[in-house]
PDB file of all heavy atoms in Angstrom:
ATOM      1  N   VAL A   1     105.146 108.044 175.978  1.00  0.00           N
ATOM      2  CA  VAL A   1     104.568 107.362 174.760  1.00  0.00           C
ATOM      3  C   VAL A   1     103.171 107.795 174.489  1.00  0.00           C
ATOM      4  O   VAL A   1     102.815 108.010 173.262  1.00  0.00           O
ATOM      5  CB  VAL A   1     104.534 105.720 174.996  1.00  0.00           C
ATOM      6  CG1 VAL A   1     103.932 105.131 173.845  1.00  0.00           C
ATOM      7  CG2 VAL A   1     105.914 105.262 175.281  1.00  0.00           C
ATOM      8  N   ALA A   2     102.347 108.025 175.458  1.00  0.00           N
ATOM      9  CA  ALA A   2     101.023 108.616 175.192  1.00  0.00           C
ATOM     10  C   ALA A   2     101.061 109.975 174.559  1.00  0.00           C
ATOM     11  O   ALA A   2     100.302 110.288 173.682  1.00  0.00           O
ATOM     12  CB  ALA A   2     100.203 108.679 176.615  1.00  0.00           C
ATOM     13  N   SER A   3     101.991 110.804 174.967  1.00  0.00           N
ATOM     14  CA  SER A   3     102.187 112.070 174.336  1.00  0.00           C
ATOM     15  C   SER A   3     102.505 111.991 172.898  1.00  0.00           C
ATOM     16  O   SER A   3     101.977 112.749 172.054  1.00  0.00           O
ATOM     17  CB  SER A   3     103.233 112.926 175.149  1.00  0.00           C
ATOM     18  OG  SER A   3     103.374 114.198 174.630  1.00  0.00           O
ATOM     19  N   GLN A   4     103.375 111.059 172.547  1.00  0.00           N
ATOM     20  CA  GLN A   4     103.749 110.829 171.136  1.00  0.00           C
ATOM     21  C   GLN A   4     102.590 110.317 170.368  1.00  0.00           C
ATOM     22  O   GLN A   4     102.331 110.826 169.255  1.00  0.00           O
ATOM     23  CB  GLN A   4     104.943 109.816 171.082  1.00  0.00           C
ATOM     24  CG  GLN A   4     105.288 109.399 169.629  1.00  0.00           C
ATOM     25  CD  GLN A   4     106.072 110.470 168.862  1.00  0.00           C
ATOM     26  OE1 GLN A   4     106.417 111.443 169.376  1.00  0.00           O
ATOM     27  NE2 GLN A   4     106.161 110.253 167.564  1.00  0.00           N
ATOM     28  N   LEU A   5     101.795 109.374 170.885  1.00  0.00           N
ATOM     29  CA  LEU A   5     100.681 108.845 170.131  1.00  0.00           C
ATOM     30  C   LEU A   5      99.614 109.901 169.964  1.00  0.00           C
ATOM     31  O   LEU A   5      98.977 109.978 168.903  1.00  0.00           O
ATOM     32  CB  LEU A   5     100.132 107.614 170.875  1.00  0.00           C
ATOM     33  CG  LEU A   5     101.010 106.363 170.959  1.00  0.00           C
ATOM     34  CD1 LEU A   5     100.282 105.268 171.762  1.00  0.00           C
ATOM     35  CD2 LEU A   5     101.375 105.894 169.590  1.00  0.00           C
ATOM     36  N   THR A   6      99.373 110.646 170.955  1.00  0.00           N
ATOM     37  CA  THR A   6      98.367 111.781 170.884  1.00  0.00           C
ATOM     38  C   THR A   6      98.788 112.764 169.812  1.00  0.00           C
ATOM     39  O   THR A   6      97.885 113.188 168.997  1.00  0.00           O
ATOM     40  CB  THR A   6      98.177 112.503 172.241  1.00  0.00           C
ATOM     41  OG1 THR A   6      97.739 111.511 173.227  1.00  0.00           O
ATOM     42  CG2 THR A   6      97.144 113.610 172.164  1.00  0.00           C
ATOM     43  N   TRP A   7     100.047 113.124 169.789  1.00  0.00           N
ATOM     44  CA  TRP A   7     100.563 114.020 168.750  1.00  0.00           C
ATOM     45  C   TRP A   7     100.346 113.405 167.364  1.00  0.00           C
ATOM     46  O   TRP A   7      99.982 114.076 166.439  1.00  0.00           O
ATOM     47  CB  TRP A   7     102.021 114.310 169.038  1.00  0.00           C
ATOM     48  CG  TRP A   7     102.661 115.209 168.031  1.00  0.00           C
ATOM     49  CD1 TRP A   7     102.639 116.509 167.834  1.00  0.00           C
ATOM     50  CD2 TRP A   7     103.470 114.665 166.928  1.00  0.00           C
ATOM     51  NE1 TRP A   7     103.398 116.882 166.698  1.00  0.00           N
ATOM     52  CE2 TRP A   7     103.895 115.757 166.128  1.00  0.00           C
ATOM     53  CE3 TRP A   7     103.870 113.367 166.560  1.00  0.00           C
ATOM     54  CZ2 TRP A   7     104.674 115.566 165.022  1.00  0.00           C
ATOM     55  CZ3 TRP A   7     104.618 113.245 165.416  1.00  0.00           C
ATOM     56  CH2 TRP A   7     105.080 114.252 164.630  1.00  0.00           C
ATOM     57  N   MET A   8     100.688 112.132 167.211  1.00  0.00           N
ATOM     58  CA  MET A   8     100.510 111.437 165.922  1.00  0.00           C
ATOM     59  C   MET A   8      99.075 111.415 165.481  1.00  0.00           C
ATOM     60  O   MET A   8      98.769 111.632 164.308  1.00  0.00           O
ATOM     61  CB  MET A   8     101.095 109.971 166.044  1.00  0.00           C
ATOM     62  CG  MET A   8     102.563 109.951 166.200  1.00  0.00           C
ATOM     63  SD  MET A   8     103.222 108.306 166.510  1.00  0.00           S
ATOM     64  CE  MET A   8     102.846 107.484 164.989  1.00  0.00           C
ATOM     65  N   ARG A   9      98.149 111.238 166.403  1.00  0.00           N
ATOM     66  CA  ARG A   9      96.725 111.278 166.064  1.00  0.00           C
ATOM     67  C   ARG A   9      96.359 112.671 165.613  1.00  0.00           C
ATOM     68  O   ARG A   9      95.652 112.843 164.616  1.00  0.00           O
ATOM     69  CB  ARG A   9      95.886 110.792 167.221  1.00  0.00           C
ATOM     70  CG  ARG A   9      94.358 110.729 166.874  1.00  0.00           C
ATOM     71  CD  ARG A   9      93.519 110.321 168.026  1.00  0.00           C
ATOM     72  NE  ARG A   9      93.542 111.304 169.110  1.00  0.00           N
ATOM     73  CZ  ARG A   9      92.761 111.280 170.179  1.00  0.00           C
ATOM     74  NH1 ARG A   9      91.821 110.326 170.255  1.00  0.00           N
ATOM     75  NH2 ARG A   9      92.864 112.173 171.086  1.00  0.00           N
ATOM     76  N   GLU A  10      96.801 113.644 166.304  1.00  0.00           N
ATOM     77  CA  GLU A  10      96.456 115.040 166.006  1.00  0.00           C
ATOM     78  C   GLU A  10      96.949 115.504 164.639  1.00  0.00           C
ATOM     79  O   GLU A  10      96.354 116.322 163.964  1.00  0.00           O
ATOM     80  CB  GLU A  10      96.989 115.989 167.083  1.00  0.00           C
ATOM     81  CG  GLU A  10      96.276 115.901 168.442  1.00  0.00           C
ATOM     82  CD  GLU A  10      96.994 116.613 169.532  1.00  0.00           C
ATOM     83  OE1 GLU A  10      98.100 117.076 169.255  1.00  0.00           O
ATOM     84  OE2 GLU A  10      96.462 116.781 170.566  1.00  0.00           O
ATOM     85  N   ASN A  11      98.048 114.876 164.214  1.00  0.00           N
ATOM     86  CA  ASN A  11      98.612 115.148 162.889  1.00  0.00           C
ATOM     87  C   ASN A  11      98.257 114.137 161.814  1.00  0.00           C
ATOM     88  O   ASN A  11      98.871 114.142 160.689  1.00  0.00           O
ATOM     89  CB  ASN A  11     100.142 115.295 163.059  1.00  0.00           C
ATOM     90  CG  ASN A  11     100.549 116.543 163.740  1.00  0.00           C
ATOM     91  OD1 ASN A  11     100.676 117.601 163.100  1.00  0.00           O
ATOM     92  ND2 ASN A  11     100.744 116.501 165.050  1.00  0.00           N
ATOM     93  N   GLY A  12      97.354 113.277 162.042  1.00  0.00           N
ATOM     94  CA  GLY A  12      96.860 112.342 161.070  1.00  0.00           C
ATOM     95  C   GLY A  12      97.646 111.168 160.807  1.00  0.00           C
ATOM     96  O   GLY A  12      97.536 110.482 159.716  1.00  0.00           O
ATOM     97  N   PHE A  13      98.577 110.847 161.700  1.00  0.00           N
ATOM     98  CA  PHE A  13      99.431 109.664 161.468  1.00  0.00           C
ATOM     99  C   PHE A  13      98.950 108.370 162.066  1.00  0.00           C
ATOM    100  O   PHE A  13      99.458 107.288 161.802  1.00  0.00           O
ATOM    101  CB  PHE A  13     100.823 109.953 162.069  1.00  0.00           C
ATOM    102  CG  PHE A  13     101.585 111.009 161.314  1.00  0.00           C
ATOM    103  CD1 PHE A  13     101.761 112.291 161.812  1.00  0.00           C
ATOM    104  CD2 PHE A  13     102.173 110.699 160.025  1.00  0.00           C
ATOM    105  CE1 PHE A  13     102.467 113.252 161.101  1.00  0.00           C
ATOM    106  CE2 PHE A  13     102.851 111.683 159.271  1.00  0.00           C
ATOM    107  CZ  PHE A  13     102.992 112.933 159.877  1.00  0.00           C
ATOM    108  N   VAL A  14      97.972 108.477 162.950  1.00  0.00           N
ATOM    109  CA  VAL A  14      97.513 107.272 163.588  1.00  0.00           C
ATOM    110  C   VAL A  14      95.980 107.394 163.962  1.00  0.00           C
ATOM    111  O   VAL A  14      95.570 108.521 164.273  1.00  0.00           O
ATOM    112  CB  VAL A  14      98.289 106.883 164.865  1.00  0.00           C
ATOM    113  CG1 VAL A  14      98.024 107.863 166.016  1.00  0.00           C
ATOM    114  CG2 VAL A  14      98.096 105.493 165.306  1.00  0.00           C
ATOM    115  N   ASN A  15      95.303 106.267 163.948  1.00  0.00           N
ATOM    116  CA  ASN A  15      93.928 106.147 164.407  1.00  0.00           C
ATOM    117  C   ASN A  15      93.931 105.279 165.587  1.00  0.00           C
ATOM    118  O   ASN A  15      94.415 104.143 165.512  1.00  0.00           O
ATOM    119  CB  ASN A  15      93.095 105.559 163.244  1.00  0.00           C
ATOM    120  CG  ASN A  15      91.558 105.413 163.635  1.00  0.00           C
ATOM    121  OD1 ASN A  15      91.289 105.445 164.859  1.00  0.00           O
ATOM    122  ND2 ASN A  15      90.709 105.303 162.654  1.00  0.00           N
ATOM    123  N   PHE A  16      93.508 105.704 166.756  1.00  0.00           N
ATOM    124  CA  PHE A  16      93.578 104.945 168.000  1.00  0.00           C
ATOM    125  C   PHE A  16      92.769 103.644 167.821  1.00  0.00           C
ATOM    126  O   PHE A  16      93.036 102.674 168.591  1.00  0.00           O
ATOM    127  CB  PHE A  16      93.046 105.734 169.159  1.00  0.00           C
ATOM    128  CG  PHE A  16      93.992 106.762 169.756  1.00  0.00           C
ATOM    129  CD1 PHE A  16      95.258 106.908 169.163  1.00  0.00           C
ATOM    130  CD2 PHE A  16      93.669 107.530 170.855  1.00  0.00           C
ATOM    131  CE1 PHE A  16      96.185 107.747 169.712  1.00  0.00           C
ATOM    132  CE2 PHE A  16      94.526 108.405 171.378  1.00  0.00           C
ATOM    133  CZ  PHE A  16      95.805 108.533 170.851  1.00  0.00           C
ATOM    134  N   ASP A  17      91.853 103.521 166.934  1.00  0.00           N
ATOM    135  CA  ASP A  17      91.144 102.317 166.614  1.00  0.00           C
ATOM    136  C   ASP A  17      91.998 101.193 166.106  1.00  0.00           C
ATOM    137  O   ASP A  17      91.566 100.050 165.998  1.00  0.00           O
ATOM    138  CB  ASP A  17      89.953 102.520 165.698  1.00  0.00           C
ATOM    139  CG  ASP A  17      88.850 103.391 166.385  1.00  0.00           C
ATOM    140  OD1 ASP A  17      88.885 103.542 167.592  1.00  0.00           O
ATOM    141  OD2 ASP A  17      87.992 103.909 165.580  1.00  0.00           O
ATOM    142  N   ARG A  18      93.220 101.605 165.704  1.00  0.00           N
ATOM    143  CA  ARG A  18      94.132 100.639 165.058  1.00  0.00           C
ATOM    144  C   ARG A  18      95.502 100.481 165.821  1.00  0.00           C
ATOM    145  O   ARG A  18      96.444 100.086 165.256  1.00  0.00           O
ATOM    146  CB  ARG A  18      94.401 100.978 163.616  1.00  0.00           C
ATOM    147  CG  ARG A  18      93.127 101.195 162.798  1.00  0.00           C
ATOM    148  CD  ARG A  18      93.428 101.510 161.401  1.00  0.00           C
ATOM    149  NE  ARG A  18      93.768 100.362 160.608  1.00  0.00           N
ATOM    150  CZ  ARG A  18      94.327 100.367 159.401  1.00  0.00           C
ATOM    151  NH1 ARG A  18      94.650 101.423 158.829  1.00  0.00           N
ATOM    152  NH2 ARG A  18      94.597  99.201 158.776  1.00  0.00           N
ATOM    153  N   VAL A  19      95.394 100.765 167.097  1.00  0.00           N
ATOM    154  CA  VAL A  19      96.600 100.779 167.916  1.00  0.00           C
ATOM    155  C   VAL A  19      96.514  99.648 168.937  1.00  0.00           C
ATOM    156  O   VAL A  19      95.598  99.575 169.738  1.00  0.00           O
ATOM    157  CB  VAL A  19      96.852 102.126 168.625  1.00  0.00           C
ATOM    158  CG1 VAL A  19      98.082 102.001 169.533  1.00  0.00           C
ATOM    159  CG2 VAL A  19      97.092 103.293 167.628  1.00  0.00           C
ATOM    160  N   PHE A  20      97.457  98.772 168.958  1.00  0.00           N
ATOM    161  CA  PHE A  20      97.708  97.788 170.059  1.00  0.00           C
ATOM    162  C   PHE A  20      98.951  98.122 170.782  1.00  0.00           C
ATOM    163  O   PHE A  20     100.007  98.467 170.141  1.00  0.00           O
ATOM    164  CB  PHE A  20      97.838  96.347 169.496  1.00  0.00           C
ATOM    165  CG  PHE A  20      96.602  95.706 169.115  1.00  0.00           C
ATOM    166  CD1 PHE A  20      95.896  96.096 167.938  1.00  0.00           C
ATOM    167  CD2 PHE A  20      96.092  94.645 169.790  1.00  0.00           C
ATOM    168  CE1 PHE A  20      94.836  95.403 167.594  1.00  0.00           C
ATOM    169  CE2 PHE A  20      94.940  93.954 169.420  1.00  0.00           C
ATOM    170  CZ  PHE A  20      94.233  94.362 168.291  1.00  0.00           C
ATOM    171  N   VAL A  21      99.007  98.167 172.147  1.00  0.00           N
ATOM    172  CA  VAL A  21     100.194  98.328 172.941  1.00  0.00           C
ATOM    173  C   VAL A  21     100.419  97.080 173.715  1.00  0.00           C
ATOM    174  O   VAL A  21      99.512  96.533 174.394  1.00  0.00           O
ATOM    175  CB  VAL A  21     100.087  99.524 173.859  1.00  0.00           C
ATOM    176  CG1 VAL A  21     101.384  99.663 174.616  1.00  0.00           C
ATOM    177  CG2 VAL A  21      99.725 100.795 173.117  1.00  0.00           C
ATOM    178  N   ILE A  22     101.617  96.460 173.551  1.00  0.00           N
ATOM    179  CA  ILE A  22     101.989  95.159 174.195  1.00  0.00           C
ATOM    180  C   ILE A  22     103.156  95.370 175.061  1.00  0.00           C
ATOM    181  O   ILE A  22     104.219  95.844 174.572  1.00  0.00           O
ATOM    182  CB  ILE A  22     102.226  94.098 173.124  1.00  0.00           C
ATOM    183  CG1 ILE A  22     101.081  93.891 172.160  1.00  0.00           C
ATOM    184  CG2 ILE A  22     102.621  92.763 173.803  1.00  0.00           C
ATOM    185  CD1 ILE A  22     101.235  94.481 170.784  1.00  0.00           C
ATOM    186  N   GLY A  23     103.076  95.088 176.357  1.00  0.00           N
ATOM    187  CA  GLY A  23     104.141  95.259 177.270  1.00  0.00           C
ATOM    188  C   GLY A  23     104.397  94.035 178.086  1.00  0.00           C
ATOM    189  O   GLY A  23     103.475  93.303 178.481  1.00  0.00           O
ATOM    190  N   PHE A  24     105.693  93.822 178.413  1.00  0.00           N
ATOM    191  CA  PHE A  24     106.025  92.661 179.221  1.00  0.00           C
ATOM    192  C   PHE A  24     106.525  93.121 180.593  1.00  0.00           C
ATOM    193  O   PHE A  24     107.384  94.046 180.683  1.00  0.00           O
ATOM    194  CB  PHE A  24     107.202  91.818 178.517  1.00  0.00           C
ATOM    195  CG  PHE A  24     107.863  90.857 179.397  1.00  0.00           C
ATOM    196  CD1 PHE A  24     107.217  89.800 179.978  1.00  0.00           C
ATOM    197  CD2 PHE A  24     109.264  91.008 179.698  1.00  0.00           C
ATOM    198  CE1 PHE A  24     107.808  88.903 180.791  1.00  0.00           C
ATOM    199  CE2 PHE A  24     109.882  90.085 180.516  1.00  0.00           C
ATOM    200  CZ  PHE A  24     109.178  89.022 181.007  1.00  0.00           C
ATOM    201  N   SER A  25     106.091  92.464 181.691  1.00  0.00           N
ATOM    202  CA  SER A  25     106.569  92.687 183.014  1.00  0.00           C
ATOM    203  C   SER A  25     106.350  94.155 183.419  1.00  0.00           C
ATOM    204  O   SER A  25     105.190  94.594 183.408  1.00  0.00           O
ATOM    205  CB  SER A  25     108.040  92.279 183.127  1.00  0.00           C
ATOM    206  OG  SER A  25     108.457  92.218 184.474  1.00  0.00           O
ATOM    207  N   LEU A  26     107.407  94.851 183.750  1.00  0.00           N
ATOM    208  CA  LEU A  26     107.187  96.296 184.051  1.00  0.00           C
ATOM    209  C   LEU A  26     106.683  96.972 182.848  1.00  0.00           C
ATOM    210  O   LEU A  26     105.950  97.991 182.949  1.00  0.00           O
ATOM    211  CB  LEU A  26     108.572  96.967 184.454  1.00  0.00           C
ATOM    212  CG  LEU A  26     109.054  96.671 185.800  1.00  0.00           C
ATOM    213  CD1 LEU A  26     110.330  97.429 186.060  1.00  0.00           C
ATOM    214  CD2 LEU A  26     108.084  96.978 186.930  1.00  0.00           C
ATOM    215  N   GLY A  27     106.979  96.571 181.671  1.00  0.00           N
ATOM    216  CA  GLY A  27     106.509  97.120 180.420  1.00  0.00           C
ATOM    217  C   GLY A  27     104.993  97.010 180.300  1.00  0.00           C
ATOM    218  O   GLY A  27     104.296  97.853 179.607  1.00  0.00           O
ATOM    219  N   ALA A  28     104.365  95.974 180.904  1.00  0.00           N
ATOM    220  CA  ALA A  28     102.927  95.847 180.877  1.00  0.00           C
ATOM    221  C   ALA A  28     102.319  96.961 181.718  1.00  0.00           C
ATOM    222  O   ALA A  28     101.271  97.583 181.279  1.00  0.00           O
ATOM    223  CB  ALA A  28     102.512  94.499 181.493  1.00  0.00           C
TER     224      ALA A  28
END
């Protein structure tokens, strides 16, 4: 997931200042 988000930031699709990641149990 981090690799996808980093790629999205490098290509102008996301600003890390506007990203929340929410995980439950093992997902946390």
